Amino acid sequence: MKGDRVEIVVDAGDTTRTYEVVADRAGRRVETAVRRGVVEVSEVTRSGGVVRTARFMANRVLALVEHPVPRTEESEREGRVAGAAGRRSGGAAGGGGDIPGRPLGEDPGA
């Protein structure tokens, strides 16, 4: 989301260097991935297209700090209510359209 940023602190031998990847336009987000010894931080569009990417050797990365944009509860609730109303099937209020969430880490097979 616009304003999200990731801060990367890298060991540069005798000093450290700090880099930032920021989602600076509406509809953009920042994604992080660690693959085969490489830390990759990318700014991505809504459709999934990569705008820019920063790559670092994982053994040189000292810290990777994600700074999400503070979101207010009211705006989140309004977005969910407006979005959920259009997706419900059936005319009855509370007619089984809601799927209860489960806490992270809970086994889905249980």
Protein backbone atom coordinates (compact mmCIF):
# COMPACT_ATOMS: atom_id res chain seq x y z
CA MET A 1 0.00 0.00 0.00
CA LYS A 2 1.22 3.52 -0.71
CA GLY A 3 3.67 4.63 1.97
CA ASP A 4 4.76 1.15 3.01
CA ARG A 5 8.53 0.89 3.18
CA VAL A 6 11.22 -1.65 3.92
CA GLU A 7 14.56 -0.66 5.42
CA ILE A 8 17.57 -2.90 4.77
CA VAL A 9 20.80 -2.60 6.79
CA VAL A 10 23.78 -4.22 5.06
CA ASP A 11 27.32 -4.94 6.29
CA ALA A 12 29.73 -3.11 3.96
CA GLY A 13 33.02 -4.26 5.49
CA ASP A 14 34.13 -1.56 7.94
CA THR A 15 30.72 0.19 8.06
CA THR A 16 27.02 -0.42 7.50
CA ARG A 17 24.81 0.93 4.75
CA THR A 18 21.08 1.49 4.95
CA TYR A 19 18.78 1.21 1.96
CA GLU A 20 15.03 1.84 1.68
CA VAL A 21 12.45 0.58 -0.78
CA VAL A 22 9.25 2.64 -0.62
CA ALA A 23 5.84 2.13 -2.25
CA ASP A 24 5.46 5.75 -3.32
CA ARG A 25 2.41 5.62 -5.58
CA ALA A 26 -1.19 4.55 -4.98
CA GLY A 27 -1.79 0.83 -5.48
CA ARG A 28 1.84 -0.16 -5.00
CA ARG A 29 3.15 -2.48 -2.32
CA VAL A 30 6.54 -3.72 -1.15
CA GLU A 31 7.28 -7.46 -1.11
CA THR A 32 10.27 -9.25 0.43
CA ALA A 33 11.66 -12.67 -0.45
CA VAL A 34 14.67 -14.71 0.62
CA ARG A 35 15.80 -17.18 -2.04
CA ARG A 36 19.04 -19.12 -2.42
CA GLY A 37 21.09 -16.83 -0.23
CA VAL A 38 19.71 -13.61 -1.72
CA VAL A 39 17.35 -11.14 -0.02
CA GLU A 40 15.10 -9.48 -2.61
CA VAL A 41 12.89 -6.47 -1.86
CA SER A 42 10.56 -5.35 -4.68
CA GLU A 43 8.06 -2.58 -5.28
CA VAL A 44 5.09 -4.20 -7.03
CA THR A 45 2.01 -2.80 -8.82
CA ARG A 46 -1.57 -3.97 -8.24
CA SER A 47 -1.35 -6.32 -11.20
CA GLY A 48 1.87 -7.88 -9.93
CA GLY A 49 4.35 -6.12 -12.21
CA VAL A 50 7.69 -5.40 -10.56
CA VAL A 51 8.63 -1.69 -10.67
CA ARG A 52 12.05 -1.91 -8.99
CA THR A 53 14.01 -4.53 -7.09
CA ALA A 54 16.85 -4.38 -4.58
CA ARG A 55 18.94 -7.54 -4.11
CA PHE A 56 21.44 -8.24 -1.34
CA MET A 57 23.51 -11.24 -0.32
CA ALA A 58 21.73 -12.75 2.68
CA ASN A 59 24.92 -13.23 4.70
CA ARG A 60 25.59 -9.46 4.45
CA VAL A 61 22.10 -8.34 5.58
CA LEU A 62 22.13 -7.29 9.23
CA ALA A 63 18.50 -6.16 9.51
CA LEU A 64 15.37 -6.06 7.37
CA VAL A 65 12.72 -3.80 8.90
CA GLU A 66 9.22 -3.47 7.45
CA HIS A 67 7.39 -0.20 8.13
CA PRO A 68 3.71 -0.54 7.14
CA VAL A 69 1.54 2.56 6.80
CA PRO A 70 -0.57 3.05 9.93
CA ARG A 71 -4.15 2.16 9.08
CA THR A 72 -7.13 3.35 11.09
CA GLU A 73 -9.70 0.85 12.33
CA GLU A 74 -12.64 2.85 10.98
CA SER A 75 -11.35 2.88 7.40
CA GLU A 76 -10.60 -0.86 7.56
CA ARG A 77 -14.08 -1.65 8.87
CA GLU A 78 -15.79 0.48 6.22
CA GLY A 79 -13.77 -1.23 3.48
CA ARG A 80 -14.67 -4.70 4.71
CA VAL A 81 -18.36 -3.95 5.12
CA ALA A 82 -18.64 -2.34 1.68
CA GLY A 83 -16.67 -5.16 0.02
CA ALA A 84 -18.47 -7.98 1.83
CA ALA A 85 -21.96 -6.69 0.99
CA GLY A 86 -21.35 -7.04 -2.74
CA ARG A 87 -20.05 -10.60 -2.49
CA ARG A 88 -22.79 -12.17 -0.38
CA SER A 89 -25.18 -14.48 -2.09
CA GLY A 90 -28.78 -14.75 -1.00
CA GLY A 91 -31.00 -12.00 0.32
CA ALA A 92 -31.16 -12.88 4.01
CA ALA A 93 -29.02 -10.86 6.37
CA GLY A 94 -26.32 -13.05 7.87
CA GLY A 95 -27.39 -15.90 5.62
CA GLY A 96 -24.18 -17.89 5.81
CA GLY A 97 -22.13 -15.54 3.61
CA ASP A 98 -19.57 -14.90 6.34
CA ILE A 99 -16.72 -17.34 6.83
CA PRO A 100 -15.23 -17.17 10.32
CA GLY A 101 -11.49 -16.65 10.48
CA ARG A 102 -9.08 -18.82 12.40
CA PRO A 103 -5.98 -17.78 14.30
CA LEU A 104 -2.62 -18.10 12.59
CA GLY A 105 -0.84 -21.34 13.27
CA GLU A 106 -4.02 -23.35 13.81
CA ASP A 107 -4.11 -26.63 11.91
CA PRO A 108 -6.77 -26.41 9.17
CA GLY A 109 -7.36 -30.17 9.33
CA ALA A 110 -8.34 -30.11 13.01
